Amino acid sequence: MFTRLLTTLALLFTISATAKPIATKDELVSPLLNGQNIPNISISDINGKSTNLAKLANQKPTIFFFYRGGWCPYCNAQMGQIQSIQPKLLKMGFQIIGISPDTPEKLKESMTKNDLGYQLLSDPEMKAAKAFGVAFFTSERTTKRYASFGVTNPSFTTPEGEKRLVLPVPALFMTDNKGLVHFQYVNPNFKVRAEPELVLTAAKLIKKKVK
């Protein structure tokens, strides 16, 4: 009985530690900080197969980046920039994981369109975005405007009971080979992303630490 109680308490602690609330606006997100571990969350790959993020991060140094979707031109530009430095990152031992609310089918379109050589994962339920602390409710105006653009992501209910679109603030997290975050870049301005030179510099510093 005591062992079962401890197991239940441990499970509850894990859930509470990984389930961050959706921020009411993009400026109020509370992302993972340096020194914290990648959460034990599973989402789908382009084939619909469940993929555990913590296990991925324990394989080798990892770059996780969150983007809004293949419909976003700034996200496509970012994917291309990361692709351009992929050879250097691979040489340093890193793997690259892109995460968005897009369905596996849309991820495949993005991979083909941008000629990507790294992995994209599907997070329509925003499990990873919430666990990393980068999910936020868009405004009523933005929700309607993006719907008119053809964005068909699932709606989420705000604390006030309104249906809104939830997106991730564009963010990038870099870990060592034990899933520990050493660098993060989070910017509520979706038009601004981490420059390739900054990513490479951070990767070089992390590589020195994990030797």
N, C-alpha and C. Protein backbone atom coordinates (compact mmCIF):
# COMPACT_ATOMS: atom_id res chain seq x y z
N MET A 1 0.82 -1.20 0.00
CA MET A 1 0.00 0.00 0.00
C MET A 1 0.86 1.26 0.00
N PHE A 2 1.90 1.27 0.86
CA PHE A 2 2.79 2.43 0.95
C PHE A 2 3.53 2.64 -0.37
N THR A 3 3.98 1.52 -0.97
CA THR A 3 4.69 1.61 -2.25
C THR A 3 3.78 2.17 -3.33
N ARG A 4 2.53 1.72 -3.32
CA ARG A 4 1.57 2.22 -4.31
C ARG A 4 1.32 3.71 -4.13
N LEU A 5 1.27 4.15 -2.86
CA LEU A 5 1.06 5.57 -2.58
C LEU A 5 2.22 6.41 -3.11
N LEU A 6 3.46 5.91 -2.88
CA LEU A 6 4.63 6.63 -3.36
C LEU A 6 4.63 6.72 -4.88
N THR A 7 4.23 5.63 -5.53
CA THR A 7 4.17 5.63 -6.99
C THR A 7 3.16 6.63 -7.50
N THR A 8 2.00 6.70 -6.84
CA THR A 8 0.96 7.65 -7.23
C THR A 8 1.42 9.09 -7.05
N LEU A 9 2.08 9.35 -5.91
CA LEU A 9 2.58 10.70 -5.64
C LEU A 9 3.64 11.10 -6.66
N ALA A 10 4.50 10.14 -7.02
CA ALA A 10 5.54 10.42 -8.01
C ALA A 10 4.94 10.75 -9.36
N LEU A 11 3.88 10.01 -9.73
CA LEU A 11 3.19 10.26 -11.00
C LEU A 11 2.55 11.63 -11.00
N LEU A 12 1.90 11.99 -9.88
CA LEU A 12 1.26 13.29 -9.79
C LEU A 12 2.29 14.42 -9.88
N PHE A 13 3.44 14.22 -9.26
CA PHE A 13 4.49 15.23 -9.32
C PHE A 13 5.00 15.40 -10.75
N THR A 14 5.16 14.27 -11.45
CA THR A 14 5.62 14.33 -12.84
C THR A 14 4.64 15.09 -13.71
N ILE A 15 3.35 14.80 -13.52
CA ILE A 15 2.32 15.47 -14.32
C ILE A 15 2.33 16.97 -14.04
N SER A 16 2.37 17.34 -12.73
CA SER A 16 2.32 18.75 -12.39
C SER A 16 3.57 19.48 -12.85
N ALA A 17 4.70 18.77 -12.89
CA ALA A 17 5.95 19.40 -13.27
C ALA A 17 6.03 19.65 -14.77
N THR A 18 5.24 18.90 -15.56
CA THR A 18 5.32 19.03 -17.01
C THR A 18 4.13 19.74 -17.61
N ALA A 19 3.05 19.94 -16.84
CA ALA A 19 1.83 20.54 -17.38
C ALA A 19 1.76 22.01 -16.99
N LYS A 20 2.35 22.88 -17.80
CA LYS A 20 2.28 24.31 -17.55
C LYS A 20 1.01 24.87 -18.19
N PRO A 21 0.39 25.86 -17.57
CA PRO A 21 -0.83 26.43 -18.17
C PRO A 21 -0.51 27.19 -19.45
N ILE A 22 -1.50 27.31 -20.31
CA ILE A 22 -1.35 28.10 -21.53
C ILE A 22 -1.37 29.57 -21.14
N ALA A 23 -0.37 30.31 -21.58
CA ALA A 23 -0.29 31.73 -21.24
C ALA A 23 -1.42 32.50 -21.91
N THR A 24 -1.89 33.56 -21.27
CA THR A 24 -3.00 34.35 -21.82
C THR A 24 -2.56 35.22 -22.99
N LYS A 25 -1.25 35.46 -23.12
CA LYS A 25 -0.72 36.19 -24.27
C LYS A 25 0.74 35.81 -24.46
N ASP A 26 1.28 36.12 -25.62
CA ASP A 26 2.63 35.64 -25.95
C ASP A 26 3.71 36.19 -25.02
N GLU A 27 3.55 37.41 -24.51
CA GLU A 27 4.57 37.98 -23.64
C GLU A 27 4.63 37.33 -22.27
N LEU A 28 3.64 36.49 -21.94
CA LEU A 28 3.55 35.92 -20.59
C LEU A 28 3.92 34.44 -20.52
N VAL A 29 4.53 33.90 -21.55
CA VAL A 29 4.94 32.50 -21.50
C VAL A 29 6.05 32.32 -20.46
N SER A 30 6.18 31.09 -19.95
CA SER A 30 7.21 30.78 -18.94
C SER A 30 8.01 29.57 -19.40
N PRO A 31 8.96 29.78 -20.32
CA PRO A 31 9.69 28.67 -20.94
C PRO A 31 10.65 27.97 -19.99
N LEU A 32 11.04 26.75 -20.38
CA LEU A 32 12.09 26.04 -19.66
C LEU A 32 13.33 26.92 -19.57
N LEU A 33 14.02 26.80 -18.45
CA LEU A 33 15.22 27.60 -18.23
C LEU A 33 16.46 26.74 -18.35
N ASN A 34 17.59 27.39 -18.53
CA ASN A 34 18.86 26.65 -18.51
C ASN A 34 18.99 25.92 -17.18
N GLY A 35 19.42 24.66 -17.26
CA GLY A 35 19.55 23.85 -16.06
C GLY A 35 18.37 22.93 -15.82
N GLN A 36 17.29 23.11 -16.58
CA GLN A 36 16.13 22.23 -16.46
C GLN A 36 16.20 21.13 -17.52
N ASN A 37 15.49 20.03 -17.25
CA ASN A 37 15.51 18.88 -18.16
C ASN A 37 14.36 18.91 -19.15
N ILE A 38 14.59 18.31 -20.30
CA ILE A 38 13.54 18.15 -21.30
C ILE A 38 12.43 17.28 -20.70
N PRO A 39 11.17 17.71 -20.78
CA PRO A 39 10.06 16.95 -20.17
C PRO A 39 9.82 15.61 -20.85
N ASN A 40 9.28 14.71 -20.07
CA ASN A 40 8.98 13.35 -20.54
C ASN A 40 7.63 13.36 -21.27
N ILE A 41 7.65 13.87 -22.49
CA ILE A 41 6.44 14.05 -23.29
C ILE A 41 6.59 13.30 -24.62
N SER A 42 5.51 12.67 -25.06
CA SER A 42 5.51 11.96 -26.34
C SER A 42 4.55 12.63 -27.32
N ILE A 43 5.02 12.90 -28.54
CA ILE A 43 4.18 13.42 -29.60
C ILE A 43 4.47 12.61 -30.87
N SER A 44 3.83 12.95 -31.97
CA SER A 44 3.90 12.10 -33.17
C SER A 44 4.93 12.60 -34.18
N ASP A 45 5.55 11.63 -34.88
CA ASP A 45 6.44 11.98 -35.99
C ASP A 45 5.62 12.10 -37.27
N ILE A 46 6.27 12.23 -38.42
CA ILE A 46 5.55 12.45 -39.68
C ILE A 46 4.74 11.23 -40.12
N ASN A 47 5.02 10.08 -39.50
CA ASN A 47 4.27 8.86 -39.82
C ASN A 47 3.23 8.52 -38.76
N GLY A 48 3.05 9.44 -37.80
CA GLY A 48 2.07 9.21 -36.75
C GLY A 48 2.58 8.34 -35.61
N LYS A 49 3.87 8.02 -35.61
CA LYS A 49 4.45 7.19 -34.57
C LYS A 49 4.80 8.04 -33.35
N SER A 50 4.46 7.53 -32.15
CA SER A 50 4.74 8.24 -30.92
C SER A 50 6.25 8.35 -30.68
N THR A 51 6.70 9.56 -30.36
CA THR A 51 8.12 9.82 -30.15
C THR A 51 8.31 10.56 -28.83
N ASN A 52 9.14 10.00 -27.95
CA ASN A 52 9.36 10.59 -26.63
C ASN A 52 10.51 11.59 -26.68
N LEU A 53 10.25 12.83 -26.27
CA LEU A 53 11.25 13.89 -26.37
C LEU A 53 12.39 13.70 -25.39
N ALA A 54 12.10 13.24 -24.18
CA ALA A 54 13.16 13.03 -23.20
C ALA A 54 14.12 11.93 -23.66
N LYS A 55 13.58 10.88 -24.26
CA LYS A 55 14.43 9.80 -24.76
C LYS A 55 15.30 10.29 -25.92
N LEU A 56 14.73 11.12 -26.78
CA LEU A 56 15.51 11.68 -27.87
C LEU A 56 16.69 12.48 -27.34
N ALA A 57 16.39 13.31 -26.33
CA ALA A 57 17.43 14.19 -25.78
C ALA A 57 18.50 13.43 -25.02
N ASN A 58 18.21 12.21 -24.61
CA ASN A 58 19.19 11.40 -23.90
C ASN A 58 20.09 10.61 -24.85
N GLN A 59 19.83 10.72 -26.15
CA GLN A 59 20.65 10.01 -27.13
C GLN A 59 21.89 10.80 -27.51
N LYS A 60 21.73 12.12 -27.65
CA LYS A 60 22.84 12.98 -28.07
C LYS A 60 22.44 14.42 -27.84
N PRO A 61 23.39 15.37 -27.91
CA PRO A 61 23.01 16.78 -27.81
C PRO A 61 21.94 17.11 -28.85
N THR A 62 20.95 17.90 -28.43
CA THR A 62 19.76 18.10 -29.27
C THR A 62 19.37 19.57 -29.35
N ILE A 63 18.90 19.95 -30.53
CA ILE A 63 18.29 21.26 -30.73
C ILE A 63 16.81 21.05 -30.97
N PHE A 64 15.98 21.53 -30.05
CA PHE A 64 14.53 21.53 -30.23
C PHE A 64 14.12 22.95 -30.61
N PHE A 65 13.39 23.10 -31.72
CA PHE A 65 12.86 24.43 -32.01
C PHE A 65 11.36 24.34 -32.30
N PHE A 66 10.63 25.28 -31.73
CA PHE A 66 9.18 25.36 -31.90
C PHE A 66 8.86 26.44 -32.94
N TYR A 67 7.99 26.09 -33.87
CA TYR A 67 7.56 27.05 -34.88
C TYR A 67 6.05 26.96 -35.03
N ARG A 68 5.44 27.99 -35.61
CA ARG A 68 3.98 28.12 -35.62
C ARG A 68 3.30 27.19 -36.62
N GLY A 69 3.98 26.90 -37.72
CA GLY A 69 3.39 26.00 -38.71
C GLY A 69 3.93 26.28 -40.10
N GLY A 70 3.72 25.34 -41.00
CA GLY A 70 4.20 25.49 -42.36
C GLY A 70 3.52 26.60 -43.13
N TRP A 71 2.42 27.13 -42.60
CA TRP A 71 1.70 28.24 -43.23
C TRP A 71 2.39 29.58 -42.97
N CYS A 72 3.33 29.61 -42.03
CA CYS A 72 3.97 30.85 -41.61
C CYS A 72 5.26 31.09 -42.40
N PRO A 73 5.35 32.17 -43.17
CA PRO A 73 6.56 32.41 -43.97
C PRO A 73 7.82 32.58 -43.14
N TYR A 74 7.68 33.16 -41.95
CA TYR A 74 8.85 33.34 -41.09
C TYR A 74 9.36 31.98 -40.57
N CYS A 75 8.43 31.06 -40.36
CA CYS A 75 8.81 29.71 -39.92
C CYS A 75 9.53 28.96 -41.03
N ASN A 76 9.04 29.13 -42.25
CA ASN A 76 9.70 28.48 -43.39
C ASN A 76 11.11 29.02 -43.59
N ALA A 77 11.26 30.33 -43.39
CA ALA A 77 12.59 30.92 -43.50
C ALA A 77 13.51 30.36 -42.42
N GLN A 78 12.98 30.21 -41.20
CA GLN A 78 13.78 29.65 -40.11
C GLN A 78 14.18 28.21 -40.41
N MET A 79 13.24 27.42 -40.92
CA MET A 79 13.56 26.03 -41.24
C MET A 79 14.68 25.95 -42.27
N GLY A 80 14.63 26.86 -43.24
CA GLY A 80 15.69 26.89 -44.24
C GLY A 80 17.03 27.29 -43.66
N GLN A 81 17.03 28.25 -42.74
CA GLN A 81 18.27 28.68 -42.11
C GLN A 81 18.90 27.55 -41.30
N ILE A 82 18.06 26.84 -40.56
CA ILE A 82 18.57 25.72 -39.77
C ILE A 82 19.10 24.62 -40.67
N GLN A 83 18.40 24.38 -41.78
CA GLN A 83 18.87 23.38 -42.74
C GLN A 83 20.25 23.76 -43.28
N SER A 84 20.48 25.05 -43.48
CA SER A 84 21.75 25.50 -44.06
C SER A 84 22.94 25.25 -43.14
N ILE A 85 22.69 25.20 -41.83
CA ILE A 85 23.79 24.95 -40.88
C ILE A 85 23.76 23.53 -40.33
N GLN A 86 22.83 22.72 -40.82
CA GLN A 86 22.74 21.34 -40.33
C GLN A 86 24.05 20.57 -40.45
N PRO A 87 24.77 20.63 -41.59
CA PRO A 87 26.03 19.87 -41.67
C PRO A 87 27.00 20.19 -40.54
N LYS A 88 27.13 21.46 -40.18
CA LYS A 88 28.03 21.85 -39.10
C LYS A 88 27.53 21.34 -37.75
N LEU A 89 26.21 21.39 -37.56
CA LEU A 89 25.64 20.90 -36.30
C LEU A 89 25.79 19.39 -36.17
N LEU A 90 25.58 18.68 -37.27
CA LEU A 90 25.75 17.23 -37.25
C LEU A 90 27.20 16.86 -36.96
N LYS A 91 28.12 17.62 -37.51
CA LYS A 91 29.54 17.35 -37.28
C LYS A 91 29.89 17.54 -35.80
N MET A 92 29.19 18.44 -35.12
CA MET A 92 29.41 18.65 -33.70
C MET A 92 28.65 17.64 -32.84
N GLY A 93 27.88 16.77 -33.49
CA GLY A 93 27.18 15.72 -32.75
C GLY A 93 25.75 16.01 -32.37
N PHE A 94 25.18 17.09 -32.90
CA PHE A 94 23.81 17.46 -32.55
C PHE A 94 22.79 16.81 -33.47
N GLN A 95 21.59 16.58 -32.94
CA GLN A 95 20.44 16.25 -33.75
C GLN A 95 19.46 17.42 -33.67
N ILE A 96 18.63 17.58 -34.70
CA ILE A 96 17.71 18.72 -34.79
C ILE A 96 16.28 18.22 -34.83
N ILE A 97 15.43 18.79 -33.97
CA ILE A 97 14.03 18.40 -33.88
C ILE A 97 13.16 19.65 -33.99
N GLY A 98 12.34 19.73 -35.03
CA GLY A 98 11.39 20.84 -35.17
C GLY A 98 10.02 20.40 -34.69
N ILE A 99 9.33 21.26 -33.94
CA ILE A 99 8.02 20.91 -33.37
C ILE A 99 7.02 22.02 -33.70
N SER A 100 5.85 21.62 -34.20
CA SER A 100 4.79 22.60 -34.49
C SER A 100 3.42 21.94 -34.31
N PRO A 101 2.34 22.74 -34.32
CA PRO A 101 0.99 22.17 -34.22
C PRO A 101 0.53 21.47 -35.49
N ASP A 102 1.33 21.50 -36.55
CA ASP A 102 0.93 20.89 -37.82
C ASP A 102 0.70 19.39 -37.69
N THR A 103 -0.21 18.87 -38.49
CA THR A 103 -0.45 17.44 -38.54
C THR A 103 0.73 16.75 -39.23
N PRO A 104 0.87 15.42 -39.06
CA PRO A 104 1.94 14.71 -39.76
C PRO A 104 1.92 14.93 -41.27
N GLU A 105 0.73 15.03 -41.85
CA GLU A 105 0.64 15.24 -43.29
C GLU A 105 1.22 16.60 -43.68
N LYS A 106 0.92 17.62 -42.89
CA LYS A 106 1.45 18.95 -43.18
C LYS A 106 2.96 19.02 -42.94
N LEU A 107 3.43 18.22 -41.97
CA LEU A 107 4.87 18.17 -41.73
C LEU A 107 5.60 17.61 -42.95
N LYS A 108 5.01 16.61 -43.56
CA LYS A 108 5.61 16.03 -44.76
C LYS A 108 5.71 17.07 -45.87
N GLU A 109 4.65 17.90 -45.99
CA GLU A 109 4.67 18.96 -47.00
C GLU A 109 5.80 19.94 -46.73
N SER A 110 5.99 20.29 -45.44
CA SER A 110 7.05 21.23 -45.08
C SER A 110 8.43 20.64 -45.36
N MET A 111 8.59 19.35 -45.08
CA MET A 111 9.88 18.71 -45.32
C MET A 111 10.22 18.71 -46.80
N THR A 112 9.22 18.46 -47.64
CA THR A 112 9.44 18.46 -49.08
C THR A 112 9.67 19.87 -49.61
N LYS A 113 8.84 20.80 -49.16
CA LYS A 113 8.92 22.19 -49.62
C LYS A 113 10.27 22.82 -49.28
N ASN A 114 10.76 22.55 -48.07
CA ASN A 114 12.00 23.17 -47.61
C ASN A 114 13.23 22.27 -47.74
N ASP A 115 13.00 21.06 -48.32
CA ASP A 115 14.10 20.11 -48.54
C ASP A 115 14.88 19.88 -47.25
N LEU A 116 14.15 19.48 -46.20
CA LEU A 116 14.74 19.34 -44.87
C LEU A 116 15.36 17.97 -44.66
N GLY A 117 16.46 17.95 -43.92
CA GLY A 117 17.13 16.70 -43.61
C GLY A 117 17.07 16.36 -42.14
N TYR A 118 16.25 17.09 -41.39
CA TYR A 118 16.10 16.79 -39.97
C TYR A 118 14.65 16.45 -39.65
N GLN A 119 14.40 16.06 -38.42
CA GLN A 119 13.11 15.52 -38.02
C GLN A 119 12.12 16.62 -37.61
N LEU A 120 10.86 16.48 -38.04
CA LEU A 120 9.77 17.33 -37.60
C LEU A 120 8.77 16.50 -36.83
N LEU A 121 8.21 17.07 -35.76
CA LEU A 121 7.24 16.37 -34.93
C LEU A 121 5.95 17.17 -34.83
N SER A 122 4.84 16.45 -34.71
CA SER A 122 3.50 17.04 -34.70
C SER A 122 2.97 17.19 -33.28
N ASP A 123 2.50 18.41 -32.95
CA ASP A 123 2.04 18.70 -31.59
C ASP A 123 0.71 19.47 -31.62
N PRO A 124 -0.34 18.94 -32.30
CA PRO A 124 -1.60 19.68 -32.41
C PRO A 124 -2.30 19.88 -31.07
N GLU A 125 -2.08 18.97 -30.11
CA GLU A 125 -2.69 19.12 -28.79
C GLU A 125 -1.86 20.01 -27.88
N MET A 126 -0.74 20.50 -28.39
CA MET A 126 0.13 21.43 -27.68
C MET A 126 0.72 20.83 -26.40
N LYS A 127 0.86 19.50 -26.37
CA LYS A 127 1.44 18.86 -25.18
C LYS A 127 2.88 19.29 -24.97
N ALA A 128 3.67 19.28 -26.04
CA ALA A 128 5.07 19.68 -25.92
C ALA A 128 5.18 21.18 -25.68
N ALA A 129 4.39 21.97 -26.40
CA ALA A 129 4.45 23.42 -26.25
C ALA A 129 4.11 23.83 -24.82
N LYS A 130 3.12 23.16 -24.21
CA LYS A 130 2.77 23.46 -22.82
C LYS A 130 3.87 23.01 -21.87
N ALA A 131 4.42 21.82 -22.13
CA ALA A 131 5.46 21.30 -21.24
C ALA A 131 6.72 22.16 -21.28
N PHE A 132 7.03 22.71 -22.46
CA PHE A 132 8.19 23.60 -22.59
C PHE A 132 7.86 25.02 -22.16
N GLY A 133 6.58 25.28 -21.90
CA GLY A 133 6.16 26.59 -21.41
C GLY A 133 6.10 27.67 -22.46
N VAL A 134 5.82 27.32 -23.72
CA VAL A 134 5.79 28.33 -24.79
C VAL A 134 4.42 28.46 -25.46
N ALA A 135 3.39 27.80 -24.94
CA ALA A 135 2.05 27.86 -25.54
C ALA A 135 1.30 29.09 -25.04
N PHE A 136 0.56 29.74 -25.94
CA PHE A 136 -0.23 30.91 -25.54
C PHE A 136 -1.51 31.00 -26.37
N PHE A 137 -2.53 31.63 -25.77
CA PHE A 137 -3.77 31.89 -26.47
C PHE A 137 -3.61 33.12 -27.37
N THR A 138 -3.98 32.99 -28.63
CA THR A 138 -4.00 34.17 -29.50
C THR A 138 -5.26 34.98 -29.18
N SER A 139 -5.28 36.22 -29.60
CA SER A 139 -6.44 37.08 -29.37
C SER A 139 -7.62 36.63 -30.23
N GLU A 140 -8.80 37.13 -29.92
CA GLU A 140 -9.98 36.79 -30.72
C GLU A 140 -9.78 37.24 -32.16
N ARG A 141 -9.21 38.43 -32.33
CA ARG A 141 -8.98 38.96 -33.67
C ARG A 141 -8.00 38.08 -34.45
N THR A 142 -6.90 37.70 -33.80
CA THR A 142 -5.90 36.86 -34.46
C THR A 142 -6.46 35.49 -34.79
N THR A 143 -7.24 34.93 -33.87
CA THR A 143 -7.86 33.62 -34.10
C THR A 143 -8.71 33.65 -35.37
N LYS A 144 -9.54 34.68 -35.52
CA LYS A 144 -10.40 34.79 -36.70
C LYS A 144 -9.59 35.05 -37.97
N ARG A 145 -8.56 35.89 -37.83
CA ARG A 145 -7.76 36.23 -39.01
C ARG A 145 -7.01 35.02 -39.54
N TYR A 146 -6.42 34.23 -38.63
CA TYR A 146 -5.68 33.05 -39.09
C TYR A 146 -6.62 31.99 -39.64
N ALA A 147 -7.83 31.92 -39.08
CA ALA A 147 -8.81 30.97 -39.62
C ALA A 147 -9.16 31.33 -41.06
N SER A 148 -9.20 32.64 -41.33
CA SER A 148 -9.50 33.08 -42.71
C SER A 148 -8.35 32.77 -43.66
N PHE A 149 -7.13 32.59 -43.10
CA PHE A 149 -5.97 32.20 -43.90
C PHE A 149 -5.94 30.70 -44.17
N GLY A 150 -6.84 29.95 -43.51
CA GLY A 150 -6.86 28.51 -43.70
C GLY A 150 -6.17 27.72 -42.61
N VAL A 151 -5.82 28.37 -41.49
CA VAL A 151 -5.21 27.65 -40.36
C VAL A 151 -6.31 26.88 -39.65
N THR A 152 -6.20 25.57 -39.62
CA THR A 152 -7.27 24.71 -39.09
C THR A 152 -6.86 24.00 -37.80
N ASN A 153 -5.95 24.57 -37.04
CA ASN A 153 -5.55 23.94 -35.78
C ASN A 153 -6.73 23.83 -34.83
N PRO A 154 -6.73 22.83 -33.93
CA PRO A 154 -7.81 22.72 -32.95
C PRO A 154 -7.90 23.96 -32.07
N SER A 155 -9.13 24.30 -31.66
CA SER A 155 -9.34 25.42 -30.75
C SER A 155 -9.22 24.95 -29.31
N PHE A 156 -8.83 25.87 -28.44
CA PHE A 156 -8.74 25.59 -27.01
C PHE A 156 -9.61 26.60 -26.27
N THR A 157 -10.09 26.20 -25.10
CA THR A 157 -10.98 27.05 -24.32
C THR A 157 -10.20 27.86 -23.30
N THR A 158 -10.37 29.16 -23.33
CA THR A 158 -9.71 30.05 -22.38
C THR A 158 -10.36 29.92 -21.01
N PRO A 159 -9.73 30.43 -19.96
CA PRO A 159 -10.35 30.42 -18.62
C PRO A 159 -11.71 31.12 -18.61
N GLU A 160 -11.92 32.05 -19.56
CA GLU A 160 -13.21 32.76 -19.64
C GLU A 160 -14.24 32.00 -20.47
N GLY A 161 -13.85 30.84 -21.01
CA GLY A 161 -14.79 30.02 -21.76
C GLY A 161 -14.87 30.32 -23.24
N GLU A 162 -13.91 31.08 -23.77
CA GLU A 162 -13.91 31.42 -25.18
C GLU A 162 -13.02 30.45 -25.97
N LYS A 163 -13.39 30.16 -27.19
CA LYS A 163 -12.60 29.29 -28.06
C LYS A 163 -11.54 30.12 -28.78
N ARG A 164 -10.29 29.75 -28.61
CA ARG A 164 -9.20 30.49 -29.23
C ARG A 164 -8.18 29.55 -29.85
N LEU A 165 -7.44 30.08 -30.79
CA LEU A 165 -6.31 29.38 -31.37
C LEU A 165 -5.13 29.48 -30.40
N VAL A 166 -4.44 28.36 -30.18
CA VAL A 166 -3.25 28.35 -29.35
C VAL A 166 -2.04 28.06 -30.22
N LEU A 167 -1.00 28.86 -30.06
CA LEU A 167 0.23 28.69 -30.83
C LEU A 167 1.43 28.65 -29.90
N PRO A 168 2.55 28.12 -30.38
CA PRO A 168 3.78 28.24 -29.60
C PRO A 168 4.50 29.55 -29.93
N VAL A 169 5.03 30.22 -28.92
CA VAL A 169 5.95 31.31 -29.20
C VAL A 169 7.18 30.69 -29.86
N PRO A 170 7.64 31.19 -31.00
CA PRO A 170 8.83 30.61 -31.62
C PRO A 170 9.98 30.55 -30.60
N ALA A 171 10.55 29.36 -30.45
CA ALA A 171 11.56 29.16 -29.41
C ALA A 171 12.55 28.09 -29.83
N LEU A 172 13.74 28.17 -29.26
CA LEU A 172 14.79 27.19 -29.55
C LEU A 172 15.48 26.81 -28.24
N PHE A 173 15.61 25.51 -28.01
CA PHE A 173 16.26 24.98 -26.81
C PHE A 173 17.38 24.04 -27.23
N MET A 174 18.53 24.16 -26.58
CA MET A 174 19.67 23.30 -26.89
C MET A 174 20.07 22.55 -25.63
N THR A 175 20.24 21.23 -25.77
CA THR A 175 20.54 20.39 -24.61
C THR A 175 21.85 19.62 -24.80
N ASP A 176 22.35 19.11 -23.67
CA ASP A 176 23.49 18.19 -23.74
C ASP A 176 22.96 16.79 -24.00
N ASN A 177 23.82 15.77 -23.87
CA ASN A 177 23.38 14.40 -24.17
C ASN A 177 22.66 13.74 -23.00
N LYS A 178 22.30 14.53 -21.99
CA LYS A 178 21.50 14.01 -20.87
C LYS A 178 20.16 14.75 -20.76
N GLY A 179 19.85 15.54 -21.77
CA GLY A 179 18.57 16.23 -21.79
C GLY A 179 18.52 17.49 -20.95
N LEU A 180 19.68 18.01 -20.54
CA LEU A 180 19.73 19.22 -19.73
C LEU A 180 19.84 20.45 -20.63
N VAL A 181 18.97 21.43 -20.43
CA VAL A 181 18.97 22.63 -21.26
C VAL A 181 20.18 23.51 -20.91
N HIS A 182 20.96 23.87 -21.93
CA HIS A 182 22.11 24.75 -21.75
C HIS A 182 21.91 26.12 -22.41
N PHE A 183 20.97 26.19 -23.35
CA PHE A 183 20.74 27.44 -24.07
C PHE A 183 19.29 27.46 -24.53
N GLN A 184 18.66 28.64 -24.41
CA GLN A 184 17.31 28.79 -24.93
C GLN A 184 17.14 30.19 -25.51
N TYR A 185 16.36 30.26 -26.58
CA TYR A 185 16.04 31.54 -27.22
C TYR A 185 14.53 31.56 -27.45
N VAL A 186 13.85 32.49 -26.79
CA VAL A 186 12.39 32.59 -26.88
C VAL A 186 12.05 34.05 -27.16
N ASN A 187 11.32 34.30 -28.25
CA ASN A 187 11.01 35.68 -28.62
C ASN A 187 9.54 35.80 -29.02
N PRO A 188 8.73 36.55 -28.24
CA PRO A 188 7.32 36.72 -28.59
C PRO A 188 7.10 37.38 -29.95
N ASN A 189 8.09 38.09 -30.45
CA ASN A 189 7.99 38.67 -31.79
C ASN A 189 8.24 37.56 -32.81
N PHE A 190 7.16 37.03 -33.40
CA PHE A 190 7.29 35.86 -34.28
C PHE A 190 8.09 36.14 -35.55
N LYS A 191 8.35 37.41 -35.81
CA LYS A 191 9.13 37.74 -37.00
C LYS A 191 10.64 37.64 -36.76
N VAL A 192 11.04 37.46 -35.51
CA VAL A 192 12.46 37.41 -35.15
C VAL A 192 12.82 36.03 -34.64
N ARG A 193 13.81 35.38 -35.23
CA ARG A 193 14.25 34.05 -34.82
C ARG A 193 15.75 34.08 -34.50
N ALA A 194 16.22 33.05 -33.83
CA ALA A 194 17.64 32.96 -33.51
C ALA A 194 18.45 32.87 -34.79
N GLU A 195 19.43 33.75 -34.93
CA GLU A 195 20.27 33.75 -36.12
C GLU A 195 21.14 32.49 -36.17
N PRO A 196 21.43 31.98 -37.37
CA PRO A 196 22.27 30.79 -37.50
C PRO A 196 23.61 30.91 -36.78
N GLU A 197 24.21 32.09 -36.84
CA GLU A 197 25.51 32.29 -36.19
C GLU A 197 25.40 32.12 -34.68
N LEU A 198 24.28 32.60 -34.11
CA LEU A 198 24.06 32.45 -32.67
C LEU A 198 23.89 30.97 -32.30
N VAL A 199 23.14 30.24 -33.12
CA VAL A 199 22.93 28.81 -32.87
C VAL A 199 24.25 28.05 -32.92
N LEU A 200 25.06 28.35 -33.91
CA LEU A 200 26.35 27.66 -34.04
C LEU A 200 27.28 27.99 -32.87
N THR A 201 27.27 29.24 -32.43
CA THR A 201 28.12 29.62 -31.30
C THR A 201 27.70 28.89 -30.04
N ALA A 202 26.39 28.84 -29.79
CA ALA A 202 25.88 28.13 -28.61
C ALA A 202 26.21 26.64 -28.70
N ALA A 203 26.10 26.07 -29.88
CA ALA A 203 26.41 24.65 -30.07
C ALA A 203 27.87 24.35 -29.75
N LYS A 204 28.76 25.24 -30.19
CA LYS A 204 30.19 25.05 -29.93
C LYS A 204 30.48 25.08 -28.43
N LEU A 205 29.83 25.99 -27.70
CA LEU A 205 30.05 26.10 -26.26
C LEU A 205 29.50 24.87 -25.53
N ILE A 206 28.33 24.38 -25.98
CA ILE A 206 27.76 23.19 -25.35
C ILE A 206 28.63 21.97 -25.62
N LYS A 207 29.16 21.88 -26.83
CA LYS A 207 30.02 20.75 -27.17
C LYS A 207 31.24 20.68 -26.23
N LYS A 208 31.79 21.85 -25.89
CA LYS A 208 32.94 21.87 -24.97
C LYS A 208 32.56 21.38 -23.59
N LYS A 209 31.32 21.69 -23.16
CA LYS A 209 30.87 21.31 -21.83
C LYS A 209 30.64 19.81 -21.71
N VAL A 210 30.17 19.17 -22.79
CA VAL A 210 29.79 17.76 -22.70
C VAL A 210 30.94 16.82 -23.02
N LYS A 211 32.11 17.34 -23.31
CA LYS A 211 33.25 16.47 -23.59
C LYS A 211 33.68 15.73 -22.33
